[in-house]
PDB file of N, CA and C in Angstrom:
ATOM      1  N   UNK A   1      16.641   9.171   4.148  1.00  0.00           N
ATOM      2  CA  UNK A   1      17.145   8.173   4.630  1.00  0.00           C
ATOM      3  C   UNK A   1      17.018   6.988   3.348  1.00  0.00           C
ATOM      4  N   UNK A   2      16.010   6.946   2.841  1.00  0.00           N
ATOM      5  CA  UNK A   2      15.795   5.982   1.559  1.00  0.00           C
ATOM      6  C   UNK A   2      17.004   6.203   0.454  1.00  0.00           C
ATOM      7  N   UNK A   3      17.249   7.377   0.261  1.00  0.00           N
ATOM      8  CA  UNK A   3      18.240   7.818  -0.685  1.00  0.00           C
ATOM      9  C   UNK A   3      19.565   7.526  -0.238  1.00  0.00           C
ATOM     10  N   UNK A   4      19.795   7.553   1.075  1.00  0.00           N
ATOM     11  CA  UNK A   4      21.204   7.359   1.878  1.00  0.00           C
ATOM     12  C   UNK A   4      21.421   5.731   1.439  1.00  0.00           C
ATOM     13  N   UNK A   5      20.501   5.005   1.741  1.00  0.00           N
ATOM     14  CA  UNK A   5      20.427   3.293   1.615  1.00  0.00           C
ATOM     15  C   UNK A   5      20.728   3.062   0.398  1.00  0.00           C
ATOM     16  N   UNK A   6      19.969   3.791  -0.451  1.00  0.00           N
ATOM     17  CA  UNK A   6      20.023   3.283  -1.844  1.00  0.00           C
ATOM     18  C   UNK A   6      21.304   3.648  -2.637  1.00  0.00           C
ATOM     19  N   UNK A   7      22.090   4.889  -2.340  1.00  0.00           N
ATOM     20  CA  UNK A   7      22.950   5.499  -3.106  1.00  0.00           C
ATOM     21  C   UNK A   7      24.354   5.278  -2.536  1.00  0.00           C
ATOM     22  N   UNK A   8      24.159   5.144  -1.000  1.00  0.00           N
ATOM     23  CA  UNK A   8      25.487   5.018  -0.300  1.00  0.00           C
ATOM     24  C   UNK A   8      25.999   3.407   0.480  1.00  0.00           C
ATOM     25  N   UNK A   9      24.799   3.063   0.799  1.00  0.00           N
ATOM     26  CA  UNK A   9      25.086   1.696   1.438  1.00  0.00           C
ATOM     27  C   UNK A   9      24.540   0.577   0.683  1.00  0.00           C
ATOM     28  N   UNK A  10      23.738   0.542  -0.292  1.00  0.00           N
ATOM     29  CA  UNK A  10      23.373  -0.783  -1.087  1.00  0.00           C
ATOM     30  C   UNK A  10      24.645  -1.102  -1.916  1.00  0.00           C
ATOM     31  N   UNK A  11      25.186  -0.031  -2.632  1.00  0.00           N
ATOM     32  CA  UNK A  11      26.244  -0.421  -3.524  1.00  0.00           C
ATOM     33  C   UNK A  11      27.462  -0.960  -3.037  1.00  0.00           C
ATOM     34  N   UNK A  12      27.556  -1.045  -1.723  1.00  0.00           N
ATOM     35  CA  UNK A  12      29.040  -1.359  -1.184  1.00  0.00           C
ATOM     36  C   UNK A  12      28.610  -2.800  -0.394  1.00  0.00           C
ATOM     37  N   UNK A  13      27.390  -3.253  -0.373  1.00  0.00           N
ATOM     38  CA  UNK A  13      27.150  -4.367   0.245  1.00  0.00           C
ATOM     39  C   UNK A  13      27.341  -5.616  -0.910  1.00  0.00           C
ATOM     40  N   UNK A  14      28.273  -6.742  -0.324  1.00  0.00           N
ATOM     41  CA  UNK A  14      28.526  -7.867  -1.021  1.00  0.00           C
ATOM     42  C   UNK A  14      27.729  -9.069  -0.350  1.00  0.00           C
ATOM     43  N   UNK A  15      27.281  -8.742   0.734  1.00  0.00           N
ATOM     44  CA  UNK A  15      26.577  -9.958   1.535  1.00  0.00           C
ATOM     45  C   UNK A  15      25.082  -9.832   0.950  1.00  0.00           C
ATOM     46  N   UNK A  16      24.878 -11.352   0.464  1.00  0.00           N
ATOM     47  CA  UNK A  16      23.343 -10.959  -0.137  1.00  0.00           C
ATOM     48  C   UNK A  16      22.191 -10.985   0.989  1.00  0.00           C
ATOM     49  N   UNK A  17      22.411 -11.359   2.035  1.00  0.00           N
ATOM     50  CA  UNK A  17      21.352 -11.318   3.093  1.00  0.00           C
ATOM     51  C   UNK A  17      21.393  -9.928   3.590  1.00  0.00           C
ATOM     52  N   UNK A  18      22.498  -9.334   3.689  1.00  0.00           N
ATOM     53  CA  UNK A  18      22.453  -8.004   4.082  1.00  0.00           C
ATOM     54  C   UNK A  18      21.853  -6.910   3.122  1.00  0.00           C
ATOM     55  N   UNK A  19      22.203  -7.267   1.759  1.00  0.00           N
ATOM     56  CA  UNK A  19      21.481  -6.637   0.647  1.00  0.00           C
ATOM     57  C   UNK A  19      20.000  -6.662   0.655  1.00  0.00           C
ATOM     58  N   UNK A  20      19.628  -8.100   0.827  1.00  0.00           N
ATOM     59  CA  UNK A  20      18.075  -8.147   0.879  1.00  0.00           C
ATOM     60  C   UNK A  20      17.419  -7.354   1.996  1.00  0.00           C
ATOM     61  N   UNK A  21      17.959  -7.563   3.318  1.00  0.00           N
ATOM     62  CA  UNK A  21      17.487  -6.875   4.385  1.00  0.00           C
ATOM     63  C   UNK A  21      17.498  -5.197   4.156  1.00  0.00           C
ATOM     64  N   UNK A  22      18.430  -4.744   3.630  1.00  0.00           N
ATOM     65  CA  UNK A  22      18.397  -3.492   3.300  1.00  0.00           C
ATOM     66  C   UNK A  22      17.253  -2.908   2.137  1.00  0.00           C
ATOM     67  N   UNK A  23      17.109  -3.960   1.190  1.00  0.00           N
ATOM     68  CA  UNK A  23      16.211  -3.509   0.486  1.00  0.00           C
ATOM     69  C   UNK A  23      14.743  -3.622   1.028  1.00  0.00           C
ATOM     70  N   UNK A  24      14.427  -4.633   1.912  1.00  0.00           N
ATOM     71  CA  UNK A  24      13.278  -4.635   2.869  1.00  0.00           C
ATOM     72  C   UNK A  24      13.045  -3.399   3.520  1.00  0.00           C
ATOM     73  N   UNK A  25      14.046  -2.918   3.920  1.00  0.00           N
ATOM     74  CA  UNK A  25      14.422  -1.497   4.893  1.00  0.00           C
ATOM     75  C   UNK A  25      13.939  -0.555   4.084  1.00  0.00           C
ATOM     76  N   UNK A  26      14.262  -0.449   2.981  1.00  0.00           N
ATOM     77  CA  UNK A  26      14.103   0.720   1.769  1.00  0.00           C
ATOM     78  C   UNK A  26      12.602   0.772   1.806  1.00  0.00           C
ATOM     79  N   UNK A  27      11.939  -0.543   1.340  1.00  0.00           N
ATOM     80  CA  UNK A  27      10.748  -0.751   1.096  1.00  0.00           C
ATOM     81  C   UNK A  27       9.848  -0.246   2.226  1.00  0.00           C
ATOM     82  N   UNK A  28      10.057  -0.524   3.343  1.00  0.00           N
ATOM     83  CA  UNK A  28       9.348  -0.259   4.285  1.00  0.00           C
ATOM     84  C   UNK A  28       9.222   1.289   4.660  1.00  0.00           C
ATOM     85  N   UNK A  29      10.484   2.078   4.560  1.00  0.00           N
ATOM     86  CA  UNK A  29      10.575   3.399   4.374  1.00  0.00           C
ATOM     87  C   UNK A  29       9.831   4.063   3.448  1.00  0.00           C
ATOM     88  N   UNK A  30       9.520   3.433   2.210  1.00  0.00           N
ATOM     89  CA  UNK A  30       9.019   4.052   1.071  1.00  0.00           C
ATOM     90  C   UNK A  30       7.388   3.844   1.488  1.00  0.00           C
ATOM     91  N   UNK A  31       7.012   2.936   2.089  1.00  0.00           N
ATOM     92  CA  UNK A  31       5.376   2.493   2.506  1.00  0.00           C
ATOM     93  C   UNK A  31       5.213   3.723   3.467  1.00  0.00           C
ATOM     94  N   UNK A  32       6.210   3.711   4.825  1.00  0.00           N
ATOM     95  CA  UNK A  32       5.644   4.758   5.576  1.00  0.00           C
ATOM     96  C   UNK A  32       5.500   6.414   5.139  1.00  0.00           C
ATOM     97  N   UNK A  33       6.629   6.557   4.233  1.00  0.00           N
ATOM     98  CA  UNK A  33       6.721   7.987   3.949  1.00  0.00           C
ATOM     99  C   UNK A  33       5.316   8.105   2.812  1.00  0.00           C
ATOM    100  N   UNK A  34       4.827   7.310   2.073  1.00  0.00           N
ATOM    101  CA  UNK A  34       3.768   7.363   1.135  1.00  0.00           C
ATOM    102  C   UNK A  34       2.264   7.506   2.106  1.00  0.00           C
ATOM    103  N   UNK A  35       2.412   6.627   3.247  1.00  0.00           N
ATOM    104  CA  UNK A  35       1.420   6.619   3.981  1.00  0.00           C
ATOM    105  C   UNK A  35       1.047   8.158   4.874  1.00  0.00           C
ATOM    106  N   UNK A  36       2.414   8.606   5.187  1.00  0.00           N
ATOM    107  CA  UNK A  36       2.531   9.925   5.819  1.00  0.00           C
ATOM    108  C   UNK A  36       1.795  11.014   4.744  1.00  0.00           C
ATOM    109  N   UNK A  37       2.215  10.872   3.451  1.00  0.00           N
ATOM    110  CA  UNK A  37       2.024  11.928   2.660  1.00  0.00           C
ATOM    111  C   UNK A  37       0.594  11.674   2.043  1.00  0.00           C
ATOM    112  N   UNK A  38      -0.183  10.559   2.475  1.00  0.00           N
ATOM    113  CA  UNK A  38      -1.139  10.395   1.781  1.00  0.00           C
ATOM    114  C   UNK A  38      -2.340  11.346   2.395  1.00  0.00           C
ATOM    115  N   UNK A  39      -3.228  11.820   1.456  1.00  0.00           N
ATOM    116  CA  UNK A  39      -4.189  12.474   2.106  1.00  0.00           C
ATOM    117  C   UNK A  39      -5.614  12.183   1.262  1.00  0.00           C
ATOM    118  N   UNK A  40      -5.507  11.111   0.823  1.00  0.00           N
ATOM    119  CA  UNK A  40      -6.794  10.531   0.131  1.00  0.00           C
ATOM    120  C   UNK A  40      -7.731   9.834   1.320  1.00  0.00           C
ATOM    121  N   UNK A  41      -9.137  10.305   0.805  1.00  0.00           N
ATOM    122  CA  UNK A  41      -9.822   9.653   2.030  1.00  0.00           C
ATOM    123  C   UNK A  41     -10.372   8.330   1.500  1.00  0.00           C
ATOM    124  N   UNK A  42     -10.467   7.453   2.802  1.00  0.00           N
ATOM    125  CA  UNK A  42     -10.579   6.377   2.769  1.00  0.00           C
ATOM    126  C   UNK A  42     -11.899   5.812   3.425  1.00  0.00           C
ATOM    127  N   UNK A  43     -12.391   4.566   3.434  1.00  0.00           N
ATOM    128  CA  UNK A  43     -13.119   3.983   4.108  1.00  0.00           C
ATOM    129  C   UNK A  43     -12.693   3.681   5.504  1.00  0.00           C
ATOM    130  N   UNK A  44     -13.658   3.933   6.729  1.00  0.00           N
ATOM    131  CA  UNK A  44     -13.128   3.662   7.880  1.00  0.00           C
ATOM    132  C   UNK A  44     -13.400   2.057   8.039  1.00  0.00           C
ATOM    133  N   UNK A  45     -12.742   1.532   9.271  1.00  0.00           N
ATOM    134  CA  UNK A  45     -12.976   0.270   9.471  1.00  0.00           C
ATOM    135  C   UNK A  45     -14.398  -0.028   9.822  1.00  0.00           C
ATOM    136  N   UNK A  46     -15.295   0.982  10.540  1.00  0.00           N
ATOM    137  CA  UNK A  46     -16.565   0.673  10.652  1.00  0.00           C
ATOM    138  C   UNK A  46     -17.280   0.729   9.358  1.00  0.00           C
ATOM    139  N   UNK A  47     -17.030   1.446   8.528  1.00  0.00           N
ATOM    140  CA  UNK A  47     -17.701   1.305   6.965  1.00  0.00           C
ATOM    141  C   UNK A  47     -17.428   0.116   6.381  1.00  0.00           C
ATOM    142  N   UNK A  48     -16.154  -0.286   6.384  1.00  0.00           N
ATOM    143  CA  UNK A  48     -15.952  -1.480   5.776  1.00  0.00           C
ATOM    144  C   UNK A  48     -16.598  -2.594   6.175  1.00  0.00           C
ATOM    145  N   UNK A  49     -16.592  -2.851   7.940  1.00  0.00           N
ATOM    146  CA  UNK A  49     -17.222  -3.766   8.423  1.00  0.00           C
ATOM    147  C   UNK A  49     -18.827  -3.931   7.900  1.00  0.00           C
ATOM    148  N   UNK A  50     -19.342  -2.607   8.008  1.00  0.00           N
ATOM    149  CA  UNK A  50     -20.795  -2.563   7.726  1.00  0.00           C
ATOM    150  C   UNK A  50     -20.900  -2.921   5.829  1.00  0.00           C
ATOM    151  N   UNK A  51     -20.237  -2.601   5.295  1.00  0.00           N
ATOM    152  CA  UNK A  51     -20.238  -3.183   4.034  1.00  0.00           C
ATOM    153  C   UNK A  51     -20.237  -4.566   3.701  1.00  0.00           C
ATOM    154  N   UNK A  52     -19.153  -5.018   4.579  1.00  0.00           N
ATOM    155  CA  UNK A  52     -19.040  -6.497   4.702  1.00  0.00           C
ATOM    156  C   UNK A  52     -20.142  -7.244   4.936  1.00  0.00           C
ATOM    157  N   UNK A  53     -20.824  -6.693   6.026  1.00  0.00           N
ATOM    158  CA  UNK A  53     -21.920  -7.295   6.604  1.00  0.00           C
ATOM    159  C   UNK A  53     -23.241  -7.356   5.696  1.00  0.00           C
ATOM    160  N   UNK A  54     -23.161  -6.257   4.911  1.00  0.00           N
ATOM    161  CA  UNK A  54     -24.306  -6.006   3.889  1.00  0.00           C
ATOM    162  C   UNK A  54     -24.056  -7.224   2.841  1.00  0.00           C
ATOM    163  N   UNK A  55     -22.986  -7.330   2.466  1.00  0.00           N
ATOM    164  CA  UNK A  55     -22.584  -8.111   1.413  1.00  0.00           C
ATOM    165  C   UNK A  55     -22.996  -9.630   1.700  1.00  0.00           C
ATOM    166  N   UNK A  56     -22.596  -9.961   2.930  1.00  0.00           N
ATOM    167  CA  UNK A  56     -22.818 -11.203   3.316  1.00  0.00           C
ATOM    168  C   UNK A  56     -24.152 -11.266   3.752  1.00  0.00           C
ATOM    169  N   UNK A  57     -25.027 -10.584   3.836  1.00  0.00           N
ATOM    170  CA  UNK A  57     -26.552 -10.620   4.034  1.00  0.00           C
ATOM    171  C   UNK A  57     -27.271 -10.797   2.991  1.00  0.00           C
ATOM    172  N   UNK A  58     -26.480 -10.603   2.021  1.00  0.00           N
ATOM    173  CA  UNK A  58     -27.035 -10.358   0.517  1.00  0.00           C
ATOM    174  C   UNK A  58     -27.729  -9.235   0.028  1.00  0.00           C
ATOM    175  N   UNK A  59     -27.237  -8.232   1.001  1.00  0.00           N
ATOM    176  CA  UNK A  59     -27.959  -6.772   0.762  1.00  0.00           C
ATOM    177  C   UNK A  59     -26.759  -5.897  -0.105  1.00  0.00           C
ATOM    178  N   UNK A  60     -26.305  -6.124  -1.229  1.00  0.00           N
ATOM    179  CA  UNK A  60     -24.995  -5.445  -1.785  1.00  0.00           C
ATOM    180  C   UNK A  60     -25.562  -4.291  -2.265  1.00  0.00           C
ATOM    181  N   UNK A  61     -24.847  -3.218  -1.721  1.00  0.00           N
ATOM    182  CA  UNK A  61     -25.234  -1.913  -2.198  1.00  0.00           C
ATOM    183  C   UNK A  61     -24.774  -1.775  -3.710  1.00  0.00           C
ATOM    184  N   UNK A  62     -25.683  -0.978  -4.409  1.00  0.00           N
ATOM    185  CA  UNK A  62     -25.251  -0.748  -5.934  1.00  0.00           C
ATOM    186  C   UNK A  62     -23.811  -0.301  -6.449  1.00  0.00           C
ATOM    187  N   UNK A  63     -23.300   0.531  -5.251  1.00  0.00           N
ATOM    188  CA  UNK A  63     -22.096   0.968  -5.484  1.00  0.00           C
ATOM    189  C   UNK A  63     -20.556   0.214  -4.894  1.00  0.00           C
ATOM    190  N   UNK A  64     -21.272  -1.053  -4.610  1.00  0.00           N
ATOM    191  CA  UNK A  64     -20.380  -1.806  -3.800  1.00  0.00           C
ATOM    192  C   UNK A  64     -18.969  -1.992  -4.489  1.00  0.00           C
ATOM    193  N   UNK A  65     -19.213  -2.523  -5.721  1.00  0.00           N
ATOM    194  CA  UNK A  65     -18.002  -2.801  -6.649  1.00  0.00           C
ATOM    195  C   UNK A  65     -16.936  -1.536  -6.699  1.00  0.00           C
ATOM    196  N   UNK A  66     -17.651  -0.204  -7.090  1.00  0.00           N
ATOM    197  CA  UNK A  66     -16.856   0.882  -7.337  1.00  0.00           C
ATOM    198  C   UNK A  66     -16.209   1.348  -5.855  1.00  0.00           C
ATOM    199  N   UNK A  67     -16.841   1.133  -4.834  1.00  0.00           N
ATOM    200  CA  UNK A  67     -16.268   1.719  -3.718  1.00  0.00           C
ATOM    201  C   UNK A  67     -15.207   0.819  -2.913  1.00  0.00           C
ATOM    202  N   UNK A  68     -15.375  -0.791  -3.286  1.00  0.00           N
ATOM    203  CA  UNK A  68     -14.276  -1.337  -2.812  1.00  0.00           C
ATOM    204  C   UNK A  68     -13.012  -1.360  -3.874  1.00  0.00           C
ATOM    205  N   UNK A  69     -13.455  -1.140  -5.032  1.00  0.00           N
ATOM    206  CA  UNK A  69     -12.224  -0.995  -6.083  1.00  0.00           C
ATOM    207  C   UNK A  69     -11.589   0.443  -5.456  1.00  0.00           C
ATOM    208  N   UNK A  70     -12.068   1.595  -5.507  1.00  0.00           N
ATOM    209  CA  UNK A  70     -11.527   2.811  -4.899  1.00  0.00           C
ATOM    210  C   UNK A  70     -10.548   2.566  -3.618  1.00  0.00           C
ATOM    211  N   UNK A  71     -11.110   1.761  -2.610  1.00  0.00           N
ATOM    212  CA  UNK A  71     -10.466   1.520  -1.395  1.00  0.00           C
ATOM    213  C   UNK A  71      -9.274   0.609  -1.578  1.00  0.00           C
ATOM    214  N   UNK A  72      -9.302  -0.466  -2.657  1.00  0.00           N
ATOM    215  CA  UNK A  72      -8.097  -1.145  -2.852  1.00  0.00           C
ATOM    216  C   UNK A  72      -7.065  -0.346  -3.381  1.00  0.00           C
ATOM    217  N   UNK A  73      -7.517   0.328  -4.377  1.00  0.00           N
ATOM    218  CA  UNK A  73      -6.559   1.631  -5.017  1.00  0.00           C
ATOM    219  C   UNK A  73      -6.087   2.436  -4.248  1.00  0.00           C
ATOM    220  N   UNK A  74      -6.659   2.885  -3.236  1.00  0.00           N
ATOM    221  CA  UNK A  74      -6.134   3.768  -2.248  1.00  0.00           C
ATOM    222  C   UNK A  74      -4.958   3.264  -1.208  1.00  0.00           C
ATOM    223  N   UNK A  75      -5.346   1.738  -0.956  1.00  0.00           N
ATOM    224  CA  UNK A  75      -4.371   1.023  -0.313  1.00  0.00           C
ATOM    225  C   UNK A  75      -3.118   0.699  -1.113  1.00  0.00           C
ATOM    226  N   UNK A  76      -3.068   0.559  -2.448  1.00  0.00           N
ATOM    227  CA  UNK A  76      -2.076   0.080  -3.249  1.00  0.00           C
ATOM    228  C   UNK A  76      -1.212   1.369  -3.595  1.00  0.00           C
ATOM    229  N   UNK A  77      -1.752   2.544  -3.608  1.00  0.00           N
ATOM    230  CA  UNK A  77      -1.056   3.680  -3.749  1.00  0.00           C
ATOM    231  C   UNK A  77      -0.093   4.072  -2.669  1.00  0.00           C
ATOM    232  N   UNK A  78      -0.230   3.366  -1.347  1.00  0.00           N
ATOM    233  CA  UNK A  78       0.410   3.270  -0.232  1.00  0.00           C
ATOM    234  C   UNK A  78       1.674   2.357  -0.559  1.00  0.00           C
ATOM    235  N   UNK A  79       0.856   0.994  -0.494  1.00  0.00           N
ATOM    236  CA  UNK A  79       1.923  -0.126  -0.325  1.00  0.00           C
ATOM    237  C   UNK A  79       2.669  -0.674  -1.555  1.00  0.00           C
ATOM    238  N   UNK A  80       1.978  -0.457  -2.741  1.00  0.00           N
ATOM    239  CA  UNK A  80       2.826  -0.739  -4.052  1.00  0.00           C
ATOM    240  C   UNK A  80       2.082  -0.124  -5.153  1.00  0.00           C
ATOM    241  N   UNK A  81       2.530   1.261  -5.290  1.00  0.00           N
ATOM    242  CA  UNK A  81       2.067   2.047  -6.220  1.00  0.00           C
ATOM    243  C   UNK A  81       2.383   1.413  -7.689  1.00  0.00           C
ATOM    244  N   UNK A  82       3.416   0.779  -7.988  1.00  0.00           N
ATOM    245  CA  UNK A  82       3.830   0.320  -9.128  1.00  0.00           C
ATOM    246  C   UNK A  82       2.989  -0.659  -9.507  1.00  0.00           C
ATOM    247  N   UNK A  83       2.553  -1.482  -8.790  1.00  0.00           N
ATOM    248  CA  UNK A  83       1.629  -2.566  -8.980  1.00  0.00           C
ATOM    249  C   UNK A  83       0.366  -2.005  -9.496  1.00  0.00           C
ATOM    250  N   UNK A  84      -0.172  -1.073  -8.755  1.00  0.00           N
ATOM    251  CA  UNK A  84      -1.352  -0.612  -9.396  1.00  0.00           C
ATOM    252  C   UNK A  84      -1.343   0.336 -10.697  1.00  0.00           C
ATOM    253  N   UNK A  85      -0.147   0.998 -10.934  1.00  0.00           N
ATOM    254  CA  UNK A  85       0.141   1.611 -12.101  1.00  0.00           C
ATOM    255  C   UNK A  85       0.033   0.506 -13.199  1.00  0.00           C
ATOM    256  N   UNK A  86       0.372  -0.863 -13.201  1.00  0.00           N
ATOM    257  CA  UNK A  86       0.242  -1.846 -14.120  1.00  0.00           C
ATOM    258  C   UNK A  86      -1.021  -2.376 -14.478  1.00  0.00           C
ATOM    259  N   UNK A  87      -2.030  -1.891 -13.571  1.00  0.00           N
ATOM    260  CA  UNK A  87      -3.534  -2.231 -13.823  1.00  0.00           C
ATOM    261  C   UNK A  87      -4.442  -1.275 -13.995  1.00  0.00           C
ATOM    262  N   UNK A  88      -4.124  -0.085 -14.181  1.00  0.00           N
ATOM    263  CA  UNK A  88      -4.926   0.986 -14.055  1.00  0.00           C
ATOM    264  C   UNK A  88      -5.181   1.358 -15.449  1.00  0.00           C
TER     265      UNK A  88
END
């Protein structure tokens, strides 16, 4: 679907608003595809909640920084891999 939108639909659009909406749809499709293809382990909601609780309580685990950095990287690989590649 992404290829269809980018090669057959987008080039034919003159209306800037419709072009923008098509680009938004293409971005959403890319995110959905990467989410479905992702097999990286990630922190569960419960694990994140517990880590946040510990940090707020002043009981910061020694690996908190690396754990959170890995978590953010996992999320960025799905939502915006180009952004992550700029900073790795």
